[in-house]
Amino acid sequence: MVNNKKSRGRKKYRYHVDKKKIAKKARKLPNITCPAIKNSWRSNLSASQNLKVMGLVYDSNKSLPVSSKTPRAPEMSEPTAVVTELEQESNAPRTGTMRMPKEKVKWIEYLLEKHGEDYEAMARDNKNVYQETAAQIRQKIKQFKKRPAYLVKFMRSCGKLPPTEIVV
């Protein structure tokens, strides 16, 4: 079917668009959160050139081409300072702890107080609104017990742990 002139429409100049603002955004440098890369970033080079100087790869498809012949290992050069710093950062232990939603903690505490370790009874409880199975509840309680911040607080509230005792 042929498009007629009326449905195609004429290209119109958009007066409300600020061309200077768009050009400024295009020139704006990228927001780099990694301190190792940020310190060695040079604004006069392109992104691919910057990464090449640092010893990193911009396009992984170009660095390891797919060939139908037998694969061979890529030639590795000496790691640069940026690469070694990034490796140290990735090998460092993580310090953050996982949190659980307050509602889930409250629900698990209720189940443990009421049913103890009887997971089948927990699965049939009226407050099990998502109809989780005994195995799913067991897994959630296992996760709850792994986190000392929640477990110690619960044990103290039940009276199973003295209030003055400090647990690390």
N, C-alpha and C. Protein backbone atom coordinates (compact mmCIF):
# COMPACT_ATOMS: atom_id res chain seq x y z
N MET A 1 0.84 -1.17 0.00
CA MET A 1 0.00 0.00 0.00
C MET A 1 0.89 1.24 0.00
N VAL A 2 0.49 2.23 -0.75
CA VAL A 2 1.29 3.44 -0.92
C VAL A 2 0.94 4.45 0.16
N ASN A 3 1.97 5.11 0.71
CA ASN A 3 1.74 6.19 1.67
C ASN A 3 1.48 7.47 0.91
N ASN A 4 0.39 8.12 1.23
CA ASN A 4 0.14 9.39 0.56
C ASN A 4 0.84 10.52 1.30
N LYS A 5 0.89 11.68 0.66
CA LYS A 5 1.61 12.82 1.18
C LYS A 5 1.06 13.28 2.52
N LYS A 6 -0.24 13.22 2.67
CA LYS A 6 -0.88 13.71 3.89
C LYS A 6 -0.50 12.87 5.11
N SER A 7 -0.47 11.56 4.97
CA SER A 7 -0.18 10.70 6.12
C SER A 7 1.30 10.74 6.51
N ARG A 8 2.19 10.98 5.53
CA ARG A 8 3.61 11.05 5.84
C ARG A 8 3.93 12.28 6.66
N GLY A 9 3.36 13.37 6.33
CA GLY A 9 3.59 14.61 7.07
C GLY A 9 4.88 15.28 6.67
N ARG A 10 4.94 16.57 6.87
CA ARG A 10 6.11 17.36 6.53
C ARG A 10 7.00 17.47 7.76
N LYS A 11 8.33 17.42 7.57
CA LYS A 11 9.26 17.60 8.67
C LYS A 11 9.18 19.05 9.14
N LYS A 12 9.01 19.22 10.44
CA LYS A 12 8.88 20.56 11.00
C LYS A 12 10.04 20.85 11.92
N TYR A 13 10.42 22.10 11.98
CA TYR A 13 11.47 22.52 12.90
C TYR A 13 10.90 22.60 14.30
N ARG A 14 11.63 22.01 15.26
CA ARG A 14 11.14 22.00 16.64
C ARG A 14 11.76 23.18 17.39
N TYR A 15 10.99 24.22 17.58
CA TYR A 15 11.48 25.44 18.21
C TYR A 15 11.72 25.27 19.70
N HIS A 16 11.00 24.38 20.34
CA HIS A 16 11.10 24.22 21.79
C HIS A 16 12.33 23.42 22.22
N VAL A 17 13.05 22.82 21.29
CA VAL A 17 14.23 22.02 21.63
C VAL A 17 15.45 22.93 21.68
N ASP A 18 16.18 22.86 22.80
CA ASP A 18 17.36 23.69 22.99
C ASP A 18 18.58 22.94 22.43
N LYS A 19 19.05 23.38 21.28
CA LYS A 19 20.16 22.70 20.60
C LYS A 19 21.47 22.83 21.37
N LYS A 20 21.68 23.97 22.03
CA LYS A 20 22.91 24.16 22.82
C LYS A 20 22.95 23.17 23.98
N LYS A 21 21.82 22.97 24.61
CA LYS A 21 21.74 22.05 25.74
C LYS A 21 22.04 20.62 25.29
N ILE A 22 21.51 20.23 24.15
CA ILE A 22 21.75 18.89 23.61
C ILE A 22 23.22 18.70 23.27
N ALA A 23 23.85 19.72 22.68
CA ALA A 23 25.26 19.64 22.33
C ALA A 23 26.12 19.54 23.58
N LYS A 24 25.75 20.27 24.63
CA LYS A 24 26.51 20.25 25.88
C LYS A 24 26.42 18.86 26.53
N LYS A 25 25.24 18.25 26.47
CA LYS A 25 25.06 16.91 27.03
C LYS A 25 25.90 15.89 26.27
N ALA A 26 26.02 16.08 24.96
CA ALA A 26 26.80 15.15 24.14
C ALA A 26 28.29 15.24 24.48
N ARG A 27 28.77 16.45 24.85
CA ARG A 27 30.18 16.64 25.19
C ARG A 27 30.50 16.25 26.62
N LYS A 28 29.48 16.10 27.46
CA LYS A 28 29.67 15.84 28.88
C LYS A 28 30.40 14.51 29.09
N LEU A 29 31.32 14.49 30.03
CA LEU A 29 32.09 13.28 30.32
C LEU A 29 31.22 12.24 31.03
N PRO A 30 31.54 10.97 30.89
CA PRO A 30 30.74 9.94 31.55
C PRO A 30 30.95 9.97 33.07
N ASN A 31 29.95 9.52 33.81
CA ASN A 31 30.04 9.45 35.26
C ASN A 31 30.71 8.12 35.63
N ILE A 32 31.95 8.17 36.06
CA ILE A 32 32.72 6.97 36.37
C ILE A 32 32.74 6.79 37.88
N THR A 33 32.22 5.67 38.36
CA THR A 33 32.15 5.43 39.80
C THR A 33 33.38 4.69 40.32
N CYS A 34 34.06 3.94 39.49
CA CYS A 34 35.22 3.17 39.91
C CYS A 34 36.41 4.11 40.09
N PRO A 35 36.98 4.21 41.31
CA PRO A 35 38.08 5.16 41.52
C PRO A 35 39.34 4.83 40.73
N ALA A 36 39.62 3.55 40.51
CA ALA A 36 40.82 3.16 39.77
C ALA A 36 40.76 3.67 38.33
N ILE A 37 39.62 3.54 37.71
CA ILE A 37 39.46 4.00 36.32
C ILE A 37 39.37 5.52 36.27
N LYS A 38 38.69 6.10 37.26
CA LYS A 38 38.50 7.55 37.28
C LYS A 38 39.83 8.30 37.39
N ASN A 39 40.76 7.76 38.19
CA ASN A 39 42.06 8.43 38.37
C ASN A 39 42.90 8.43 37.11
N SER A 40 42.80 7.37 36.32
CA SER A 40 43.64 7.28 35.12
C SER A 40 42.90 7.66 33.84
N TRP A 41 41.68 8.18 33.95
CA TRP A 41 40.89 8.59 32.78
C TRP A 41 41.42 9.90 32.23
N ARG A 42 41.63 9.96 30.92
CA ARG A 42 42.07 11.21 30.27
C ARG A 42 40.95 11.72 29.38
N SER A 43 40.56 12.97 29.60
CA SER A 43 39.40 13.52 28.91
C SER A 43 39.66 13.78 27.43
N ASN A 44 40.92 13.89 27.02
CA ASN A 44 41.21 14.16 25.61
C ASN A 44 41.16 12.90 24.75
N LEU A 45 41.05 11.72 25.37
CA LEU A 45 40.97 10.46 24.62
C LEU A 45 39.53 9.95 24.60
N SER A 46 39.23 9.12 23.62
CA SER A 46 37.90 8.51 23.56
C SER A 46 37.82 7.39 24.59
N ALA A 47 36.62 6.85 24.78
CA ALA A 47 36.42 5.79 25.77
C ALA A 47 37.23 4.54 25.41
N SER A 48 37.21 4.16 24.14
CA SER A 48 37.95 2.96 23.74
C SER A 48 39.46 3.17 23.87
N GLN A 49 39.95 4.38 23.54
CA GLN A 49 41.38 4.66 23.68
C GLN A 49 41.79 4.67 25.15
N ASN A 50 40.96 5.25 26.01
CA ASN A 50 41.25 5.27 27.44
C ASN A 50 41.37 3.86 28.00
N LEU A 51 40.41 3.01 27.65
CA LEU A 51 40.43 1.65 28.16
C LEU A 51 41.61 0.86 27.61
N LYS A 52 42.00 1.13 26.37
CA LYS A 52 43.15 0.46 25.77
C LYS A 52 44.43 0.83 26.51
N VAL A 53 44.57 2.11 26.87
CA VAL A 53 45.75 2.57 27.61
C VAL A 53 45.81 1.90 28.99
N MET A 54 44.65 1.69 29.60
CA MET A 54 44.57 1.07 30.93
C MET A 54 44.78 -0.44 30.88
N GLY A 55 44.74 -1.02 29.69
CA GLY A 55 44.90 -2.47 29.57
C GLY A 55 43.58 -3.21 29.66
N LEU A 56 42.47 -2.49 29.47
CA LEU A 56 41.14 -3.09 29.50
C LEU A 56 40.59 -3.15 28.08
N VAL A 57 39.49 -3.85 27.90
CA VAL A 57 38.92 -4.05 26.57
C VAL A 57 37.60 -3.29 26.48
N TYR A 58 37.41 -2.54 25.40
CA TYR A 58 36.17 -1.79 25.18
C TYR A 58 35.11 -2.70 24.58
N ASP A 59 35.48 -3.48 23.57
CA ASP A 59 34.54 -4.37 22.90
C ASP A 59 35.07 -5.80 22.99
N SER A 60 34.41 -6.62 23.77
CA SER A 60 34.88 -8.00 23.97
C SER A 60 34.78 -8.83 22.69
N ASN A 61 33.86 -8.48 21.80
CA ASN A 61 33.73 -9.23 20.55
C ASN A 61 34.93 -9.03 19.65
N LYS A 62 35.52 -7.85 19.69
CA LYS A 62 36.70 -7.60 18.85
C LYS A 62 37.96 -8.19 19.47
N SER A 63 38.02 -8.29 20.79
CA SER A 63 39.22 -8.80 21.44
C SER A 63 39.34 -10.32 21.29
N LEU A 64 38.23 -11.03 21.31
CA LEU A 64 38.23 -12.48 21.14
C LEU A 64 37.34 -12.84 19.96
N PRO A 65 37.88 -12.81 18.74
CA PRO A 65 37.05 -13.11 17.58
C PRO A 65 36.65 -14.58 17.54
N VAL A 66 35.48 -14.84 17.01
CA VAL A 66 34.98 -16.21 16.88
C VAL A 66 35.51 -16.77 15.57
N SER A 67 36.19 -17.90 15.65
CA SER A 67 36.71 -18.52 14.44
C SER A 67 36.27 -19.98 14.40
N SER A 68 36.20 -20.50 13.20
CA SER A 68 35.77 -21.89 13.04
C SER A 68 36.93 -22.85 13.24
N LYS A 69 38.15 -22.35 13.24
CA LYS A 69 39.32 -23.21 13.42
C LYS A 69 39.55 -23.47 14.91
N THR A 70 40.60 -24.19 15.21
CA THR A 70 40.89 -24.52 16.60
C THR A 70 41.19 -23.24 17.39
N PRO A 71 40.63 -23.13 18.58
CA PRO A 71 40.85 -21.90 19.37
C PRO A 71 42.26 -21.87 19.96
N ARG A 72 42.80 -20.68 20.04
CA ARG A 72 44.10 -20.53 20.68
C ARG A 72 43.99 -19.39 21.69
N ALA A 73 44.81 -19.44 22.68
CA ALA A 73 44.73 -18.46 23.77
C ALA A 73 45.17 -17.08 23.27
N PRO A 74 44.48 -16.02 23.69
CA PRO A 74 44.87 -14.67 23.27
C PRO A 74 46.19 -14.27 23.94
N GLU A 75 46.93 -13.42 23.25
CA GLU A 75 48.21 -12.97 23.78
C GLU A 75 47.96 -11.96 24.89
N MET A 76 48.49 -12.25 26.08
CA MET A 76 48.28 -11.37 27.22
C MET A 76 49.52 -10.51 27.44
N SER A 77 49.29 -9.22 27.64
CA SER A 77 50.40 -8.32 27.93
C SER A 77 50.52 -8.15 29.44
N GLU A 78 51.56 -7.43 29.87
CA GLU A 78 51.76 -7.18 31.30
C GLU A 78 50.56 -6.40 31.85
N PRO A 79 50.03 -6.77 33.01
CA PRO A 79 48.90 -6.02 33.57
C PRO A 79 49.33 -4.62 34.00
N THR A 80 48.50 -3.64 33.65
CA THR A 80 48.80 -2.26 34.02
C THR A 80 48.41 -2.01 35.47
N ALA A 81 48.71 -0.81 35.95
CA ALA A 81 48.40 -0.45 37.34
C ALA A 81 46.90 -0.47 37.58
N VAL A 82 46.14 -0.04 36.58
CA VAL A 82 44.68 -0.02 36.72
C VAL A 82 44.14 -1.45 36.85
N VAL A 83 44.66 -2.35 36.03
CA VAL A 83 44.20 -3.74 36.05
C VAL A 83 44.51 -4.38 37.40
N THR A 84 45.72 -4.17 37.92
CA THR A 84 46.07 -4.76 39.21
C THR A 84 45.21 -4.18 40.34
N GLU A 85 44.93 -2.87 40.26
CA GLU A 85 44.08 -2.24 41.28
C GLU A 85 42.66 -2.79 41.23
N LEU A 86 42.14 -3.00 40.00
CA LEU A 86 40.80 -3.57 39.86
C LEU A 86 40.75 -5.02 40.37
N GLU A 87 41.82 -5.78 40.13
CA GLU A 87 41.87 -7.16 40.61
C GLU A 87 41.89 -7.21 42.14
N GLN A 88 42.68 -6.30 42.76
CA GLN A 88 42.72 -6.24 44.23
C GLN A 88 41.35 -5.89 44.79
N GLU A 89 40.68 -4.95 44.14
CA GLU A 89 39.35 -4.54 44.59
C GLU A 89 38.34 -5.68 44.49
N SER A 90 38.42 -6.46 43.41
CA SER A 90 37.47 -7.57 43.24
C SER A 90 37.78 -8.72 44.19
N ASN A 91 39.05 -8.89 44.57
CA ASN A 91 39.42 -9.98 45.48
C ASN A 91 39.20 -9.61 46.94
N ALA A 92 38.96 -8.34 47.25
CA ALA A 92 38.74 -7.90 48.63
C ALA A 92 37.44 -8.50 49.15
N PRO A 93 37.40 -8.86 50.44
CA PRO A 93 36.17 -9.45 50.99
C PRO A 93 35.05 -8.42 51.06
N ARG A 94 33.84 -8.90 50.86
CA ARG A 94 32.66 -8.04 50.92
C ARG A 94 32.29 -7.81 52.38
N THR A 95 31.93 -6.57 52.73
CA THR A 95 31.62 -6.25 54.12
C THR A 95 30.12 -6.12 54.37
N GLY A 96 29.33 -5.90 53.35
CA GLY A 96 27.90 -5.67 53.53
C GLY A 96 27.17 -6.92 54.00
N THR A 97 26.12 -6.74 54.76
CA THR A 97 25.31 -7.86 55.21
C THR A 97 23.94 -7.78 54.54
N MET A 98 23.36 -8.92 54.31
CA MET A 98 22.04 -8.97 53.69
C MET A 98 20.99 -8.63 54.73
N ARG A 99 20.00 -7.90 54.31
CA ARG A 99 18.89 -7.52 55.19
C ARG A 99 17.63 -8.27 54.76
N MET A 100 16.73 -8.40 55.71
CA MET A 100 15.43 -9.00 55.42
C MET A 100 14.36 -7.95 55.68
N PRO A 101 13.26 -7.98 54.94
CA PRO A 101 12.18 -7.02 55.18
C PRO A 101 11.62 -7.17 56.60
N LYS A 102 11.22 -6.04 57.19
CA LYS A 102 10.71 -6.05 58.56
C LYS A 102 9.50 -6.96 58.71
N GLU A 103 8.62 -6.95 57.71
CA GLU A 103 7.41 -7.77 57.78
C GLU A 103 7.76 -9.25 57.82
N LYS A 104 8.76 -9.65 57.02
CA LYS A 104 9.16 -11.05 56.98
C LYS A 104 9.78 -11.47 58.32
N VAL A 105 10.61 -10.58 58.90
CA VAL A 105 11.24 -10.88 60.19
C VAL A 105 10.16 -11.03 61.27
N LYS A 106 9.20 -10.11 61.25
CA LYS A 106 8.11 -10.15 62.22
C LYS A 106 7.31 -11.44 62.09
N TRP A 107 7.04 -11.86 60.85
CA TRP A 107 6.28 -13.08 60.59
C TRP A 107 7.04 -14.32 61.05
N ILE A 108 8.35 -14.35 60.76
CA ILE A 108 9.17 -15.50 61.17
C ILE A 108 9.24 -15.59 62.69
N GLU A 109 9.40 -14.43 63.36
CA GLU A 109 9.43 -14.43 64.83
C GLU A 109 8.11 -14.96 65.39
N TYR A 110 7.00 -14.56 64.78
CA TYR A 110 5.68 -15.04 65.21
C TYR A 110 5.59 -16.56 65.06
N LEU A 111 6.03 -17.07 63.90
CA LEU A 111 5.97 -18.51 63.66
C LEU A 111 6.84 -19.29 64.64
N LEU A 112 8.04 -18.78 64.91
CA LEU A 112 8.94 -19.47 65.83
C LEU A 112 8.39 -19.46 67.26
N GLU A 113 7.78 -18.35 67.67
CA GLU A 113 7.19 -18.28 69.01
C GLU A 113 6.02 -19.24 69.15
N LYS A 114 5.18 -19.29 68.14
CA LYS A 114 3.95 -20.09 68.22
C LYS A 114 4.20 -21.58 68.00
N HIS A 115 5.03 -21.93 67.00
CA HIS A 115 5.16 -23.33 66.59
C HIS A 115 6.52 -23.96 66.91
N GLY A 116 7.50 -23.18 67.33
CA GLY A 116 8.83 -23.74 67.60
C GLY A 116 9.48 -24.17 66.30
N GLU A 117 9.79 -25.48 66.19
CA GLU A 117 10.44 -26.00 64.98
C GLU A 117 9.49 -26.87 64.15
N ASP A 118 8.20 -26.78 64.37
CA ASP A 118 7.21 -27.58 63.64
C ASP A 118 6.84 -26.86 62.34
N TYR A 119 7.54 -27.20 61.26
CA TYR A 119 7.36 -26.50 59.99
C TYR A 119 6.03 -26.84 59.33
N GLU A 120 5.53 -28.05 59.55
CA GLU A 120 4.24 -28.43 58.98
C GLU A 120 3.12 -27.58 59.57
N ALA A 121 3.19 -27.34 60.87
CA ALA A 121 2.19 -26.49 61.52
C ALA A 121 2.31 -25.05 61.02
N MET A 122 3.54 -24.61 60.78
CA MET A 122 3.76 -23.25 60.25
C MET A 122 3.13 -23.11 58.87
N ALA A 123 3.23 -24.16 58.06
CA ALA A 123 2.66 -24.12 56.71
C ALA A 123 1.14 -24.03 56.75
N ARG A 124 0.52 -24.59 57.80
CA ARG A 124 -0.94 -24.56 57.93
C ARG A 124 -1.44 -23.35 58.72
N ASP A 125 -0.53 -22.52 59.21
CA ASP A 125 -0.91 -21.37 60.04
C ASP A 125 -1.74 -20.36 59.24
N ASN A 126 -2.67 -19.68 59.92
CA ASN A 126 -3.54 -18.69 59.27
C ASN A 126 -2.76 -17.50 58.74
N LYS A 127 -1.65 -17.16 59.37
CA LYS A 127 -0.87 -16.00 58.93
C LYS A 127 0.06 -16.33 57.76
N ASN A 128 0.05 -17.56 57.30
CA ASN A 128 0.82 -17.95 56.12
C ASN A 128 -0.02 -17.60 54.89
N VAL A 129 -0.15 -16.30 54.62
CA VAL A 129 -1.06 -15.83 53.58
C VAL A 129 -0.57 -16.17 52.18
N TYR A 130 0.72 -16.32 51.99
CA TYR A 130 1.25 -16.67 50.66
C TYR A 130 1.28 -18.18 50.44
N GLN A 131 0.74 -18.94 51.38
CA GLN A 131 0.63 -20.40 51.30
C GLN A 131 1.96 -21.05 50.95
N GLU A 132 2.98 -20.68 51.70
CA GLU A 132 4.30 -21.26 51.47
C GLU A 132 4.35 -22.66 52.08
N THR A 133 5.12 -23.52 51.45
CA THR A 133 5.23 -24.90 51.92
C THR A 133 6.15 -24.95 53.13
N ALA A 134 6.17 -26.11 53.78
CA ALA A 134 7.02 -26.29 54.96
C ALA A 134 8.49 -26.11 54.60
N ALA A 135 8.88 -26.61 53.42
CA ALA A 135 10.28 -26.49 52.98
C ALA A 135 10.65 -25.03 52.73
N GLN A 136 9.73 -24.26 52.15
CA GLN A 136 10.01 -22.84 51.90
C GLN A 136 10.14 -22.09 53.21
N ILE A 137 9.28 -22.39 54.17
CA ILE A 137 9.36 -21.74 55.48
C ILE A 137 10.65 -22.14 56.19
N ARG A 138 11.04 -23.41 56.09
CA ARG A 138 12.28 -23.87 56.70
C ARG A 138 13.47 -23.09 56.15
N GLN A 139 13.47 -22.86 54.84
CA GLN A 139 14.55 -22.12 54.19
C GLN A 139 14.59 -20.67 54.69
N LYS A 140 13.43 -20.04 54.83
CA LYS A 140 13.36 -18.66 55.31
C LYS A 140 13.86 -18.55 56.75
N ILE A 141 13.51 -19.53 57.58
CA ILE A 141 13.96 -19.53 58.97
C ILE A 141 15.46 -19.78 59.04
N LYS A 142 15.97 -20.60 58.14
CA LYS A 142 17.41 -20.85 58.07
C LYS A 142 18.15 -19.55 57.74
N GLN A 143 17.61 -18.78 56.79
CA GLN A 143 18.20 -17.48 56.44
C GLN A 143 18.11 -16.52 57.63
N PHE A 144 17.00 -16.56 58.35
CA PHE A 144 16.80 -15.71 59.53
C PHE A 144 17.84 -16.03 60.60
N LYS A 145 18.12 -17.32 60.80
CA LYS A 145 19.07 -17.73 61.83
C LYS A 145 20.51 -17.42 61.46
N LYS A 146 20.79 -17.24 60.18
CA LYS A 146 22.15 -16.90 59.73
C LYS A 146 22.52 -15.46 60.09
N ARG A 147 21.51 -14.62 60.28
CA ARG A 147 21.75 -13.20 60.54
C ARG A 147 21.67 -12.93 62.03
N PRO A 148 22.83 -12.72 62.67
CA PRO A 148 22.84 -12.54 64.13
C PRO A 148 22.09 -11.31 64.60
N ALA A 149 22.00 -10.29 63.78
CA ALA A 149 21.29 -9.07 64.19
C ALA A 149 19.83 -9.38 64.50
N TYR A 150 19.22 -10.25 63.72
CA TYR A 150 17.82 -10.61 63.93
C TYR A 150 17.68 -11.69 65.01
N LEU A 151 18.56 -12.68 64.96
CA LEU A 151 18.44 -13.83 65.85
C LEU A 151 18.67 -13.44 67.31
N VAL A 152 19.69 -12.63 67.59
CA VAL A 152 20.00 -12.23 68.96
C VAL A 152 18.84 -11.43 69.54
N LYS A 153 18.30 -10.53 68.74
CA LYS A 153 17.16 -9.72 69.19
C LYS A 153 15.97 -10.61 69.53
N PHE A 154 15.72 -11.61 68.70
CA PHE A 154 14.60 -12.54 68.92
C PHE A 154 14.84 -13.38 70.17
N MET A 155 16.06 -13.89 70.34
CA MET A 155 16.39 -14.74 71.50
C MET A 155 16.23 -13.95 72.80
N ARG A 156 16.64 -12.68 72.79
CA ARG A 156 16.49 -11.85 73.99
C ARG A 156 15.02 -11.61 74.30
N SER A 157 14.21 -11.39 73.26
CA SER A 157 12.78 -11.13 73.50
C SER A 157 12.07 -12.38 74.04
N CYS A 158 12.56 -13.57 73.66
CA CYS A 158 11.97 -14.82 74.16
C CYS A 158 12.48 -15.17 75.55
N GLY A 159 13.57 -14.56 75.98
CA GLY A 159 14.15 -14.87 77.28
C GLY A 159 15.14 -16.02 77.22
N LYS A 160 15.52 -16.45 76.03
CA LYS A 160 16.48 -17.54 75.88
C LYS A 160 17.92 -17.05 75.98
N LEU A 161 18.11 -15.74 75.93
CA LEU A 161 19.43 -15.14 76.00
C LEU A 161 19.37 -14.00 77.02
N PRO A 162 20.30 -13.97 77.98
CA PRO A 162 20.27 -12.87 78.96
C PRO A 162 20.49 -11.52 78.28
N PRO A 163 19.85 -10.46 78.77
CA PRO A 163 19.94 -9.15 78.10
C PRO A 163 21.32 -8.52 78.16
N THR A 164 22.18 -8.92 79.12
CA THR A 164 23.50 -8.29 79.25
C THR A 164 24.57 -8.99 78.43
N GLU A 165 24.32 -10.21 78.02
CA GLU A 165 25.32 -10.98 77.28
C GLU A 165 25.54 -10.39 75.89
N ILE A 166 26.80 -10.21 75.52
CA ILE A 166 27.14 -9.66 74.21
C ILE A 166 27.59 -10.80 73.31
N VAL A 167 26.92 -10.94 72.18
CA VAL A 167 27.25 -11.99 71.22
C VAL A 167 27.82 -11.34 69.98
N VAL A 168 28.96 -11.86 69.51
CA VAL A 168 29.59 -11.29 68.32
C VAL A 168 29.36 -12.21 67.15
